[in-house]
Amino acid sequence: MQSRIIYILFLFTSVISYGQVNISVTPDKTSYNGKDIINLTIVLEMDGDYNQQTPLRLPDFSKFNIIGTGSVSNGYVDPATNTVISQSITRLALEPKQKGKVKVGSFLVTINNKIYKTEPFDIFIKDIEKKPVANNASKDVYLNMEIEDRDVYQDQPTIAVLKVYSKNMDNFRKVKNIHLPEQDNLNVYPVSFAKSEIDPSDYGSMASQILAVFMVFPNEAGFIEVPGVSASVHSYSNKNKIVSNKVKINVKKLPEGSPEYFKNAVGNFNVSVYNASKEKAEVTKPMNVVVKVSGEGNLKDMELPKIAASPDYEVFAPKITPKVSIGLTGMKGEILANYIIIPKKAGEIVIKTEEFAFFDPSSKEYVDLGQQSLSVNAFSHEQILESRTTVEKVNEYTNNFLETVNTPVLKTTSFKVKEKNKFHWNILLTNIGILIGLFIAYLLFKTWQKKRKLIKETVPAKPLGSIAETEEEIREKLKTDINDYFSYLENLKDNEDYQKFFEVVDELDSEVRNQYFQSSVEDFRKFLENYKGSATAEEYRNLSQRIQIEKYAPVKSKEGIEALLKEIVNLYSQISK
């Protein structure tokens, strides 16, 4: 009898230890507010030799927005039973769409031809915010912001699309003055304000149109709420403001193990340093050294690698020149940091940058570029003089002579016409012929005047027209061919005559403002906002500030002036259409 009991116990022990599958789901709580994120933890444990045939299948989440997912797997051998125990943990972050009691269905997984599932459960949502927000009087125009990729790393961009919805397509042309969201933990850059073609049946019976595409760079980890985009709806009687929905995104923290000198560069970059000065480097004389960071990522927000301090040279704060294009695939281009370096000793000096590293989201690892260096051979003033050729010395002597010595005045007495006593009959006859010709021309002119007066009396009076037509006619007469200004500015830029360059820019701005009868810059900006849109007015304001900064900069670079000229040509060509 005792041997039978021991046999039965051994049998049960072998069956239990052979294998076991457990799957469970646990919410962080059972009651939520409308702004809370629902966090679910799904744990799958397999004790023994099991074959998981399907991935974890989710229940119906049509009443939620999935804003974040993540999973981790691990396994070990239990020394007591000598069996392999594998565990898989999955986390889901959900955003509710409706309030009240909401049922979460079963999670399913197939293992060894058998389906395992969790028990369904209920959660309670106290309140919920409405997604499309429209505060206009007619309640017929709606804005909606869509962000497809809501799971990104810190300082990694994601694209947002702003759409307008309405049953009446005529309302689309009334939507103006789009203001992108502003928040401390977000950096927002516009990609395009070009309106798309109208989709007549995008959502139910409403038509839709894309108004704007912009890029969002979150600069801190966690769940971040992107504020709504605002716009105004202009009608004949009033102007209403509408606001889009808010969108929550899951911003992942950057992985651990970053280099000590890693700051906030996220993307894929290259760093180079070069000497931009054409002359030879001379001790105690300034030279231009450029640190260029090129690639794709958060170029405008990242901390650039600086030139490291050294006893061999003195370094001053750089002038930053961005050459960046923003598109649907990200922010690409290059950033130029123009430094003023003054060598302190003769001979070879090595200019080094700080160590630089960045995080590459595609490979999910840090890339260390280290230091970049530039070797420069600095000469003393005596060495510079000795190295000059004979032609250079003659040219310098000639220039100094022309600048310091006054040239004598030319004698004009030798050009004086001497008087003659002989009478010339040919001159007399010629003068008489000229007088007769002038008299005949006078008679012809009087005859033409009489005929013209008769024609004027028979032609009916031309209508004066409206005030708007008259104003448009005057504007066309005042309109200046700004292409002449652009060509002149291009020549001044090539000749590096920057003082005259900015004088011509001020003259161009004054001419364009006079075309629209605006005397001051502030009045002209308001005029652009009303008739050209807020984007053009904001671009004009930024360009005016950029012109003033470049105008009074102590050191002007050819690259910066060239980039400024491109912005001037693009903006003023658009305004003067």
Protein backbone atom coordinates (compact mmCIF):
# COMPACT_ATOMS: atom_id res chain seq x y z
CA MET A 1 0.00 0.00 0.00
CA GLN A 2 2.78 2.40 0.89
CA SER A 3 4.59 1.66 -2.39
CA ARG A 4 1.40 2.48 -4.36
CA ILE A 5 1.07 5.88 -2.66
CA ILE A 6 4.71 6.67 -3.44
CA TYR A 7 4.14 5.65 -7.10
CA ILE A 8 1.08 7.91 -7.40
CA LEU A 9 2.98 10.85 -5.87
CA PHE A 10 5.85 10.34 -8.34
CA LEU A 11 3.35 10.23 -11.20
CA PHE A 12 1.68 13.52 -10.23
CA THR A 13 5.06 15.15 -9.71
CA SER A 14 6.26 14.12 -13.17
CA VAL A 15 3.03 15.39 -14.81
CA ILE A 16 3.20 18.77 -13.02
CA SER A 17 6.90 19.25 -13.67
CA TYR A 18 6.60 18.23 -17.33
CA GLY A 19 5.22 21.56 -18.44
CA GLN A 20 2.94 24.42 -17.63
CA VAL A 21 1.76 27.61 -19.49
CA ASN A 22 0.50 30.71 -17.69
CA ILE A 23 -0.75 33.90 -19.40
CA SER A 24 -2.11 36.88 -17.50
CA VAL A 25 -2.89 40.57 -18.04
CA THR A 26 -2.76 43.27 -15.35
CA PRO A 27 -3.82 46.95 -15.70
CA ASP A 28 -2.06 49.56 -13.58
CA LYS A 29 -5.48 50.55 -12.16
CA THR A 30 -9.18 50.04 -12.83
CA SER A 31 -10.47 53.65 -12.88
CA TYR A 32 -9.06 56.40 -15.12
CA ASN A 33 -9.62 60.03 -15.97
CA GLY A 34 -9.97 61.10 -19.61
CA LYS A 35 -6.37 62.36 -19.81
CA ASP A 36 -4.81 59.27 -18.19
CA ILE A 37 -2.85 56.64 -20.11
CA ILE A 38 -3.95 53.03 -19.60
CA ASN A 39 -0.92 50.77 -19.06
CA LEU A 40 -1.46 47.00 -19.51
CA THR A 41 1.14 44.35 -18.62
CA ILE A 42 0.80 40.93 -20.30
CA VAL A 43 2.98 38.13 -18.86
CA LEU A 44 3.43 34.80 -20.67
CA GLU A 45 5.33 32.02 -18.80
CA MET A 46 6.21 28.61 -20.21
CA ASP A 47 7.74 25.94 -17.94
CA GLY A 48 9.15 23.19 -20.09
CA ASP A 49 9.74 22.47 -23.76
CA TYR A 50 7.03 24.42 -25.59
CA ASN A 51 6.72 25.74 -29.14
CA GLN A 52 4.98 29.12 -29.42
CA GLN A 53 3.31 28.94 -32.84
CA THR A 54 1.72 32.43 -33.03
CA PRO A 55 2.64 35.83 -31.61
CA LEU A 56 0.47 37.40 -28.95
CA ARG A 57 -2.87 38.35 -30.54
CA LEU A 58 -4.58 41.48 -29.21
CA PRO A 59 -8.30 41.89 -28.56
CA ASP A 60 -10.51 44.50 -30.25
CA PHE A 61 -9.01 47.92 -29.42
CA SER A 62 -11.38 50.01 -31.57
CA LYS A 63 -12.35 52.00 -28.44
CA PHE A 64 -8.70 52.92 -27.77
CA ASN A 65 -5.70 54.48 -29.47
CA ILE A 66 -2.51 52.42 -29.11
CA ILE A 67 0.17 55.03 -28.45
CA GLY A 68 3.02 52.77 -27.30
CA THR A 69 4.14 49.13 -27.20
CA GLY A 70 7.14 47.27 -25.87
CA SER A 71 8.18 43.72 -24.98
CA VAL A 72 11.06 41.86 -23.37
CA SER A 73 11.85 38.13 -23.19
CA ASN A 74 14.14 36.13 -20.92
CA GLY A 75 14.70 32.52 -19.92
CA TYR A 76 16.56 30.38 -17.38
CA VAL A 77 16.89 26.76 -16.19
CA ASP A 78 15.30 25.80 -12.86
CA PRO A 79 17.98 23.75 -11.03
CA ALA A 80 15.39 22.01 -8.81
CA THR A 81 13.33 20.56 -11.68
CA ASN A 82 15.96 20.84 -14.47
CA THR A 83 13.37 22.47 -16.77
CA VAL A 84 13.65 25.54 -19.01
CA ILE A 85 11.47 28.47 -17.90
CA SER A 86 10.90 31.22 -20.50
CA GLN A 87 9.06 34.45 -19.78
CA SER A 88 7.77 37.15 -22.15
CA ILE A 89 6.49 40.51 -20.82
CA THR A 90 4.56 42.90 -23.11
CA ARG A 91 3.55 46.46 -22.20
CA LEU A 92 0.77 48.38 -23.94
CA ALA A 93 -0.06 52.09 -23.54
CA LEU A 94 -3.64 52.93 -24.54
CA GLU A 95 -5.56 56.17 -24.92
CA PRO A 96 -9.35 55.86 -24.42
CA LYS A 97 -11.79 57.23 -27.01
CA GLN A 98 -14.98 57.14 -24.92
CA LYS A 99 -16.06 57.38 -21.31
CA GLY A 100 -17.92 54.90 -19.12
CA LYS A 101 -17.34 51.19 -18.57
CA VAL A 102 -15.20 49.68 -21.32
CA LYS A 103 -14.53 45.95 -21.67
CA VAL A 104 -11.05 44.72 -22.62
CA GLY A 105 -11.24 41.34 -24.38
CA SER A 106 -8.97 38.30 -24.18
CA PHE A 107 -5.36 38.10 -25.34
CA LEU A 108 -4.71 34.89 -27.33
CA VAL A 109 -1.63 32.81 -28.11
CA THR A 110 -1.25 29.35 -29.71
CA ILE A 111 1.29 26.99 -28.12
CA ASN A 112 1.72 23.32 -29.12
CA ASN A 113 -1.53 23.42 -31.13
CA LYS A 114 -3.43 24.68 -28.10
CA ILE A 115 -4.95 28.19 -27.66
CA TYR A 116 -4.33 29.95 -24.35
CA LYS A 117 -6.19 33.14 -23.46
CA THR A 118 -6.65 35.66 -20.66
CA GLU A 119 -9.91 36.48 -18.97
CA PRO A 120 -11.70 39.67 -20.18
CA PHE A 121 -12.05 42.50 -17.67
CA ASP A 122 -13.68 45.96 -17.38
CA ILE A 123 -12.14 49.36 -16.77
CA PHE A 124 -13.97 52.60 -15.99
CA ILE A 125 -13.27 55.90 -17.79
CA LYS A 126 -14.57 58.93 -15.86
CA ASP A 127 -14.27 61.58 -18.58
CA ILE A 128 -12.94 61.91 -22.11
CA GLU A 129 -11.94 64.87 -24.26
CA LYS A 130 -13.35 65.22 -27.75
CA LYS A 131 -10.84 64.86 -30.55
CA PRO A 132 -12.05 67.20 -33.31
CA VAL A 133 -12.55 70.63 -31.76
CA ALA A 134 -14.37 73.37 -33.64
CA ASN A 135 -15.34 76.58 -31.93
CA ASN A 136 -16.77 78.51 -34.86
CA ALA A 137 -20.33 79.74 -34.91
CA SER A 138 -21.53 77.57 -37.78
CA LYS A 139 -19.89 74.39 -36.39
CA ASP A 140 -19.25 73.31 -39.95
CA VAL A 141 -15.44 73.51 -40.14
CA TYR A 142 -13.20 71.13 -38.18
CA LEU A 143 -9.44 70.80 -37.83
CA ASN A 144 -7.79 67.47 -37.15
CA MET A 145 -4.09 66.82 -36.46
CA GLU A 146 -2.71 63.39 -37.33
CA ILE A 147 0.65 61.98 -36.18
CA GLU A 148 1.34 58.57 -37.65
CA ASP A 149 4.50 57.67 -35.69
CA ARG A 150 3.66 58.21 -32.01
CA ASP A 151 6.51 56.09 -30.65
CA VAL A 152 9.83 57.93 -31.10
CA TYR A 153 13.07 58.57 -29.25
CA GLN A 154 13.93 61.82 -27.52
CA ASP A 155 15.03 64.48 -30.10
CA GLN A 156 13.86 62.20 -32.95
CA PRO A 157 11.42 63.87 -35.38
CA THR A 158 7.90 62.78 -36.23
CA ILE A 159 5.69 64.19 -38.99
CA ALA A 160 2.31 65.78 -38.19
CA VAL A 161 -0.40 66.50 -40.80
CA LEU A 162 -3.14 69.11 -40.30
CA LYS A 163 -6.43 68.51 -42.14
CA VAL A 164 -9.60 70.59 -42.38
CA TYR A 165 -13.02 68.91 -42.64
CA SER A 166 -16.31 70.46 -43.79
CA LYS A 167 -19.49 69.50 -45.61
CA ASN A 168 -19.24 72.73 -47.64
CA MET A 169 -16.09 72.86 -49.80
CA ASP A 170 -16.40 76.65 -50.05
CA ASN A 171 -15.36 76.87 -46.39
CA PHE A 172 -11.84 75.62 -47.19
CA ARG A 173 -10.77 78.91 -48.78
CA LYS A 174 -11.89 80.80 -45.65
CA VAL A 175 -9.40 79.02 -43.34
CA LYS A 176 -6.34 81.26 -42.84
CA ASN A 177 -3.69 82.27 -40.27
CA ILE A 178 -2.50 78.82 -39.22
CA HIS A 179 -0.54 78.89 -35.94
CA LEU A 180 1.55 75.83 -35.17
CA PRO A 181 1.76 74.57 -31.57
CA GLU A 182 4.33 76.02 -29.15
CA GLN A 183 5.51 74.23 -26.03
CA ASP A 184 8.73 74.08 -23.98
CA ASN A 185 9.23 70.34 -24.41
CA LEU A 186 8.65 70.46 -28.19
CA ASN A 187 10.44 72.04 -31.13
CA VAL A 188 8.15 72.49 -34.15
CA TYR A 189 9.31 73.30 -37.70
CA PRO A 190 6.99 73.79 -40.72
CA VAL A 191 7.50 71.51 -43.71
CA SER A 192 4.84 72.86 -46.07
CA PHE A 193 1.81 75.17 -45.98
CA ALA A 194 0.73 74.20 -49.51
CA LYS A 195 -2.89 73.07 -49.65
CA SER A 196 -3.57 69.68 -51.18
CA GLU A 197 -6.33 68.65 -53.53
CA ILE A 198 -9.77 68.37 -51.89
CA ASP A 199 -10.86 64.85 -50.99
CA PRO A 200 -14.66 64.92 -51.46
CA SER A 201 -15.44 61.91 -49.20
CA ASP A 202 -12.72 61.46 -46.62
CA TYR A 203 -14.80 61.07 -43.47
CA GLY A 204 -18.46 60.19 -43.84
CA SER A 205 -20.21 62.92 -45.82
CA MET A 206 -17.49 65.54 -45.18
CA ALA A 207 -14.74 66.62 -47.57
CA SER A 208 -11.19 67.20 -46.39
CA GLN A 209 -8.04 69.06 -47.40
CA ILE A 210 -4.47 69.04 -46.06
CA LEU A 211 -3.58 72.53 -44.82
CA ALA A 212 -0.10 72.06 -43.36
CA VAL A 213 2.62 69.51 -42.72
CA PHE A 214 5.08 70.12 -39.90
CA MET A 215 7.82 68.32 -37.97
CA VAL A 216 7.80 67.78 -34.20
CA PHE A 217 11.00 67.23 -32.19
CA PRO A 218 10.24 66.18 -28.57
CA ASN A 219 13.17 67.11 -26.33
CA GLU A 220 12.23 65.12 -23.20
CA ALA A 221 11.16 61.54 -22.54
CA GLY A 222 7.74 60.36 -21.39
CA PHE A 223 4.18 60.77 -22.64
CA ILE A 224 4.02 64.23 -24.24
CA GLU A 225 0.85 65.93 -25.41
CA VAL A 226 1.22 67.94 -28.63
CA PRO A 227 -1.03 71.05 -28.36
CA GLY A 228 -3.69 71.72 -30.96
CA VAL A 229 -3.12 73.83 -34.08
CA SER A 230 -5.23 76.98 -34.31
CA ALA A 231 -6.56 78.80 -37.38
CA SER A 232 -9.14 81.45 -38.21
CA VAL A 233 -12.21 81.16 -40.43
CA HIS A 234 -12.90 84.44 -42.26
CA SER A 235 -16.42 85.26 -43.40
CA TYR A 236 -18.08 88.46 -44.60
CA SER A 237 -19.54 89.22 -41.17
CA ASN A 238 -16.98 87.99 -38.65
CA LYS A 239 -13.83 85.97 -37.98
CA ASN A 240 -13.92 82.79 -35.86
CA LYS A 241 -11.10 80.80 -34.33
CA ILE A 242 -10.93 77.01 -34.57
CA VAL A 243 -8.54 74.62 -32.80
CA SER A 244 -7.56 71.08 -33.72
CA ASN A 245 -7.32 68.07 -31.44
CA LYS A 246 -4.36 67.31 -29.18
CA VAL A 247 -2.23 64.22 -29.78
CA LYS A 248 -0.23 62.25 -27.21
CA ILE A 249 3.03 60.64 -28.25
CA ASN A 250 5.25 58.19 -26.40
CA VAL A 251 8.80 59.58 -26.29
CA LYS A 252 11.31 56.86 -25.43
CA LYS A 253 14.32 57.70 -23.31
CA LEU A 254 17.66 57.28 -25.04
CA PRO A 255 19.44 54.02 -24.14
CA GLU A 256 22.02 53.94 -21.39
CA GLY A 257 25.74 53.69 -22.06
CA SER A 258 26.15 56.99 -23.90
CA PRO A 259 29.67 58.54 -24.12
CA GLU A 260 30.50 61.22 -21.55
CA TYR A 261 30.61 63.96 -24.16
CA PHE A 262 27.28 62.98 -25.79
CA LYS A 263 24.83 65.90 -25.54
CA ASN A 264 21.65 65.80 -27.62
CA ALA A 265 22.60 64.91 -31.21
CA VAL A 266 20.13 62.34 -32.60
CA GLY A 267 20.39 61.27 -36.24
CA ASN A 268 23.33 60.52 -38.53
CA PHE A 269 26.07 63.15 -38.84
CA ASN A 270 29.57 63.90 -40.10
CA VAL A 271 31.95 66.55 -38.70
CA SER A 272 34.76 68.34 -40.58
CA VAL A 273 36.95 71.40 -39.93
CA TYR A 274 38.75 73.54 -42.54
CA ASN A 275 40.51 76.88 -42.99
CA ALA A 276 38.32 79.38 -44.87
CA SER A 277 40.95 82.15 -45.08
CA LYS A 278 42.64 82.71 -48.44
CA GLU A 279 45.74 84.40 -47.01
CA LYS A 280 48.57 82.69 -45.18
CA ALA A 281 48.14 82.36 -41.43
CA GLU A 282 50.06 85.07 -39.57
CA VAL A 283 50.81 85.41 -35.88
CA THR A 284 48.46 87.88 -34.08
CA LYS A 285 46.32 88.18 -37.26
CA PRO A 286 42.77 86.71 -37.41
CA MET A 287 41.91 83.76 -39.60
CA ASN A 288 38.58 82.03 -40.34
CA VAL A 289 38.18 78.38 -39.34
CA VAL A 290 34.86 76.62 -40.09
CA VAL A 291 33.47 73.60 -38.24
CA LYS A 292 30.88 71.90 -40.48
CA VAL A 293 28.31 69.41 -39.18
CA SER A 294 26.35 67.72 -41.98
CA GLY A 295 23.81 64.92 -42.11
CA GLU A 296 20.22 64.25 -41.06
CA GLY A 297 18.65 64.73 -37.64
CA ASN A 298 17.99 67.50 -35.13
CA LEU A 299 20.46 69.85 -36.83
CA LYS A 300 18.88 73.12 -35.68
CA ASP A 301 18.50 72.03 -32.04
CA MET A 302 21.66 70.03 -31.39
CA GLU A 303 24.71 71.34 -29.55
CA LEU A 304 27.52 71.69 -32.07
CA PRO A 305 31.08 70.55 -31.26
CA LYS A 306 33.14 73.61 -30.32
CA ILE A 307 36.82 74.33 -31.02
CA ALA A 308 38.81 73.31 -27.98
CA ALA A 309 40.88 75.96 -26.18
CA SER A 310 44.66 75.87 -26.58
CA PRO A 311 47.66 78.02 -25.52
CA ASP A 312 48.76 78.11 -29.20
CA TYR A 313 45.80 80.22 -30.36
CA GLU A 314 42.93 82.42 -29.20
CA VAL A 315 39.39 81.50 -30.23
CA PHE A 316 36.25 83.68 -30.32
CA ALA A 317 32.54 82.85 -30.31
CA PRO A 318 31.39 81.48 -33.69
CA LYS A 319 28.88 82.77 -36.19
CA ILE A 320 26.36 80.00 -36.98
CA THR A 321 25.10 79.65 -40.58
CA PRO A 322 22.43 76.95 -41.13
CA LYS A 323 21.90 75.43 -44.59
CA VAL A 324 19.08 73.04 -43.75
CA SER A 325 16.08 71.77 -45.71
CA ILE A 326 13.06 70.32 -43.92
CA GLY A 327 11.06 67.64 -45.75
CA LEU A 328 8.86 64.63 -45.16
CA THR A 329 11.89 62.40 -44.58
CA GLY A 330 13.48 64.66 -41.94
CA MET A 331 15.79 67.62 -41.48
CA LYS A 332 18.81 67.43 -43.80
CA GLY A 333 21.69 69.75 -44.63
CA GLU A 334 24.64 71.28 -42.83
CA ILE A 335 25.44 73.76 -40.07
CA LEU A 336 28.53 75.96 -40.42
CA ALA A 337 30.19 77.45 -37.32
CA ASN A 338 32.60 80.18 -38.45
CA TYR A 339 35.27 80.83 -35.78
CA ILE A 340 37.81 83.65 -35.57
CA ILE A 341 41.19 82.15 -34.60
CA ILE A 342 44.27 84.25 -33.76
CA PRO A 343 47.57 82.27 -33.70
CA LYS A 344 49.87 83.13 -30.79
CA LYS A 345 53.08 81.51 -32.04
CA ALA A 346 54.86 80.85 -35.31
CA GLY A 347 55.14 77.35 -36.69
CA GLU A 348 52.70 74.47 -36.93
CA ILE A 349 49.62 74.69 -34.70
CA VAL A 350 46.91 72.04 -34.43
CA ILE A 351 43.32 73.26 -34.07
CA LYS A 352 41.10 70.58 -32.53
CA THR A 353 37.36 70.32 -31.97
CA GLU A 354 35.66 68.90 -28.90
CA GLU A 355 34.84 65.20 -28.94
CA PHE A 356 31.48 64.51 -30.54
CA ALA A 357 29.05 61.59 -30.45
CA PHE A 358 25.48 61.05 -31.64
CA PHE A 359 22.69 58.51 -31.28
CA ASP A 360 21.53 56.77 -34.48
CA PRO A 361 17.82 55.76 -34.16
CA SER A 362 18.04 53.40 -37.15
CA SER A 363 20.71 51.21 -35.53
CA LYS A 364 19.67 52.14 -31.94
CA GLU A 365 23.27 52.70 -30.87
CA TYR A 366 25.69 55.54 -30.17
CA VAL A 367 28.33 56.54 -32.74
CA ASP A 368 31.56 58.14 -31.47
CA LEU A 369 33.27 60.47 -33.99
CA GLY A 370 35.92 61.65 -31.54
CA GLN A 371 37.92 64.82 -32.25
CA GLN A 372 38.53 66.49 -35.61
CA SER A 373 41.80 68.40 -36.12
CA LEU A 374 43.25 70.94 -38.55
CA SER A 375 47.00 71.61 -38.94
CA VAL A 376 47.91 75.22 -39.82
CA ASN A 377 51.41 76.61 -40.42
CA ALA A 378 51.53 80.15 -38.93
CA PHE A 379 54.17 82.64 -40.08
CA SER A 380 55.63 85.69 -38.38
CA HIS A 381 55.31 89.13 -39.98
CA GLU A 382 58.95 89.06 -41.11
CA GLN A 383 58.48 85.66 -42.76
CA ILE A 384 55.40 86.95 -44.61
CA LEU A 385 57.39 89.91 -46.00
CA GLU A 386 60.29 87.71 -47.07
CA SER A 387 58.02 85.23 -48.86
CA ARG A 388 56.52 87.88 -51.17
CA THR A 389 57.51 87.85 -54.84
CA THR A 390 58.94 90.86 -56.70
CA VAL A 391 55.61 91.48 -58.47
CA GLU A 392 53.72 91.51 -55.14
CA LYS A 393 56.22 94.01 -53.70
CA VAL A 394 55.89 96.31 -56.75
CA ASN A 395 52.09 96.14 -56.58
CA GLU A 396 52.09 97.00 -52.89
CA TYR A 397 54.48 99.95 -53.47
CA THR A 398 52.32 101.24 -56.35
CA ASN A 399 49.12 101.00 -54.30
CA ASN A 400 50.71 102.85 -51.40
CA PHE A 401 51.98 105.56 -53.76
CA LEU A 402 48.57 106.08 -55.35
CA GLU A 403 46.86 106.26 -51.96
CA THR A 404 49.29 108.71 -50.34
CA VAL A 405 50.63 110.99 -53.17
CA ASN A 406 48.41 113.56 -54.96
CA THR A 407 48.74 113.61 -58.78
CA PRO A 408 49.27 117.02 -60.52
CA VAL A 409 46.34 118.79 -62.21
CA LEU A 410 46.34 118.74 -66.04
CA LYS A 411 46.89 122.11 -67.79
CA THR A 412 43.86 123.10 -69.86
CA THR A 413 45.29 126.21 -71.60
CA SER A 414 46.60 124.10 -74.44
CA PHE A 415 43.02 123.08 -75.28
CA LYS A 416 41.84 126.72 -75.74
CA VAL A 417 40.47 127.55 -79.23
CA LYS A 418 42.29 130.45 -80.96
CA GLU A 419 40.27 133.26 -82.68
CA LYS A 420 40.47 133.80 -86.45
CA ASN A 421 39.77 137.09 -88.36
CA LYS A 422 38.71 135.48 -91.71
CA PHE A 423 34.91 135.53 -92.51
CA HIS A 424 33.39 132.17 -93.55
CA TRP A 425 30.38 132.39 -95.91
CA ASN A 426 29.75 128.65 -95.55
CA ILE A 427 28.98 129.09 -91.84
CA LEU A 428 26.50 131.92 -92.60
CA LEU A 429 24.61 129.89 -95.22
CA THR A 430 24.49 126.89 -92.91
CA ASN A 431 22.97 128.95 -90.09
CA ILE A 432 20.32 130.41 -92.44
CA GLY A 433 19.39 126.87 -93.57
CA ILE A 434 19.03 125.76 -89.94
CA LEU A 435 16.69 128.69 -89.17
CA ILE A 436 14.46 127.90 -92.18
CA GLY A 437 14.29 124.23 -91.13
CA LEU A 438 13.27 125.15 -87.58
CA PHE A 439 10.50 127.46 -88.94
CA ILE A 440 9.08 124.68 -91.14
CA ALA A 441 9.17 122.23 -88.20
CA TYR A 442 7.26 124.80 -86.08
CA LEU A 443 4.49 125.09 -88.72
CA LEU A 444 4.17 121.27 -88.94
CA PHE A 445 3.95 121.00 -85.15
CA LYS A 446 1.11 123.58 -84.95
CA THR A 447 -0.83 121.74 -87.67
CA TRP A 448 -0.45 118.40 -85.81
CA GLN A 449 -1.67 120.05 -82.57
CA LYS A 450 -4.88 121.29 -84.24
CA LYS A 451 -5.66 117.83 -85.66
CA ARG A 452 -5.07 116.19 -82.26
CA LYS A 453 -7.45 118.67 -80.57
CA LEU A 454 -10.20 117.78 -83.04
CA ILE A 455 -9.71 114.04 -82.39
CA LYS A 456 -9.93 114.58 -78.61
CA GLU A 457 -13.27 116.37 -78.98
CA THR A 458 -14.79 113.43 -80.91
CA VAL A 459 -13.53 110.64 -78.58
CA PRO A 460 -16.00 109.91 -75.70
CA ALA A 461 -14.76 110.41 -72.15
CA LYS A 462 -13.21 107.34 -70.55
CA PRO A 463 -14.98 106.15 -67.35
CA LEU A 464 -13.04 106.82 -64.17
CA GLY A 465 -13.51 103.31 -62.76
CA SER A 466 -13.68 102.18 -59.12
CA ILE A 467 -11.25 103.14 -56.35
CA ALA A 468 -9.82 99.60 -56.31
CA GLU A 469 -9.16 99.68 -60.07
CA THR A 470 -7.50 103.08 -59.79
CA GLU A 471 -5.35 101.88 -56.89
CA GLU A 472 -4.34 98.80 -58.87
CA GLU A 473 -3.44 100.97 -61.89
CA ILE A 474 -1.28 103.25 -59.71
CA ARG A 475 0.40 100.22 -58.13
CA GLU A 476 1.24 98.84 -61.59
CA LYS A 477 2.78 102.18 -62.57
CA LEU A 478 4.82 102.28 -59.38
CA LYS A 479 5.85 98.64 -59.71
CA THR A 480 9.61 98.22 -59.98
CA ASP A 481 11.40 95.40 -61.74
CA ILE A 482 12.94 93.78 -58.67
CA ASN A 483 15.01 91.46 -60.88
CA ASP A 484 17.33 94.42 -61.49
CA TYR A 485 17.85 94.65 -57.73
CA PHE A 486 18.55 90.91 -57.53
CA SER A 487 21.22 91.12 -60.28
CA TYR A 488 22.82 94.15 -58.62
CA LEU A 489 22.86 92.39 -55.21
CA GLU A 490 24.46 89.31 -56.80
CA ASN A 491 27.29 91.47 -58.22
CA LEU A 492 27.81 93.22 -54.86
CA LYS A 493 27.94 89.84 -53.12
CA ASP A 494 30.54 88.50 -55.58
CA ASN A 495 32.65 91.66 -55.15
CA GLU A 496 32.26 91.41 -51.33
CA ASP A 497 31.02 95.03 -51.14
CA TYR A 498 28.81 94.26 -48.15
CA GLN A 499 28.18 97.87 -47.08
CA LYS A 500 26.66 98.73 -50.47
CA PHE A 501 24.88 95.33 -50.43
CA PHE A 502 22.83 96.22 -47.35
CA GLU A 503 22.13 99.74 -48.66
CA VAL A 504 20.60 98.22 -51.80
CA VAL A 505 18.61 95.73 -49.65
CA ASP A 506 17.08 98.66 -47.70
CA GLU A 507 16.27 100.42 -50.99
CA LEU A 508 14.63 97.22 -52.34
CA ASP A 509 12.50 96.89 -49.20
CA SER A 510 11.40 100.53 -49.45
CA GLU A 511 10.47 100.14 -53.15
CA VAL A 512 8.37 97.01 -52.48
CA ARG A 513 6.58 98.68 -49.55
CA ASN A 514 5.79 101.72 -51.71
CA GLN A 515 4.13 99.44 -54.25
CA TYR A 516 1.53 98.58 -51.60
CA PHE A 517 1.36 102.11 -50.11
CA GLN A 518 2.89 101.03 -46.78
CA SER A 519 5.37 103.48 -45.25
CA SER A 520 6.54 101.54 -42.18
CA VAL A 521 7.79 97.97 -41.78
CA GLU A 522 5.19 97.18 -39.09
CA ASP A 523 2.28 98.36 -41.28
CA PHE A 524 3.67 96.34 -44.16
CA ARG A 525 3.88 93.20 -41.98
CA LYS A 526 0.19 93.64 -40.98
CA PHE A 527 -0.69 94.14 -44.65
CA LEU A 528 1.08 90.87 -45.56
CA GLU A 529 -0.70 89.00 -42.75
CA ASN A 530 -4.12 90.14 -44.03
CA TYR A 531 -3.54 89.64 -47.78
CA LYS A 532 -0.67 87.13 -48.10
CA GLY A 533 -1.18 84.99 -45.00
CA SER A 534 0.46 84.70 -41.60
CA ALA A 535 3.22 82.44 -42.93
CA THR A 536 4.45 85.12 -45.38
CA ALA A 537 4.21 87.82 -42.70
CA GLU A 538 6.19 85.71 -40.23
CA GLU A 539 8.80 84.94 -42.89
CA TYR A 540 9.10 88.71 -43.63
CA ARG A 541 9.61 89.46 -39.92
CA ASN A 542 12.28 86.77 -39.54
CA LEU A 543 14.07 87.93 -42.69
CA SER A 544 14.10 91.56 -41.46
CA GLN A 545 15.71 90.46 -38.20
CA ARG A 546 18.23 88.29 -40.08
CA ILE A 547 19.17 91.26 -42.33
CA GLN A 548 19.83 93.47 -39.28
CA ILE A 549 21.95 90.76 -37.62
CA GLU A 550 24.05 90.24 -40.75
CA LYS A 551 24.31 93.99 -41.37
CA TYR A 552 25.93 94.77 -38.02
CA ALA A 553 27.92 91.53 -37.63
CA PRO A 554 31.62 92.30 -37.02
CA VAL A 555 32.72 89.55 -39.43
CA LYS A 556 30.72 88.74 -42.55
CA SER A 557 31.14 85.41 -44.30
CA LYS A 558 30.51 84.85 -47.98
CA GLU A 559 28.39 81.76 -47.21
CA GLY A 560 26.14 83.72 -44.83
CA ILE A 561 25.61 86.56 -47.35
CA GLU A 562 24.87 84.02 -50.10
CA ALA A 563 22.26 82.25 -47.93
CA LEU A 564 20.74 85.64 -47.00
CA LEU A 565 20.50 86.64 -50.68
CA LYS A 566 18.64 83.42 -51.52
CA GLU A 567 16.07 84.15 -48.79
CA ILE A 568 15.68 87.76 -50.04
CA VAL A 569 15.09 86.60 -53.65
CA ASN A 570 12.54 83.94 -52.62
CA LEU A 571 10.52 86.17 -50.28
CA TYR A 572 10.44 89.41 -52.31
CA SER A 573 9.64 87.51 -55.52
CA GLN A 574 6.65 85.99 -53.73
CA ILE A 575 5.51 89.34 -52.29
CA SER A 576 5.86 91.26 -55.56
CA LYS A 577 3.75 88.84 -57.62
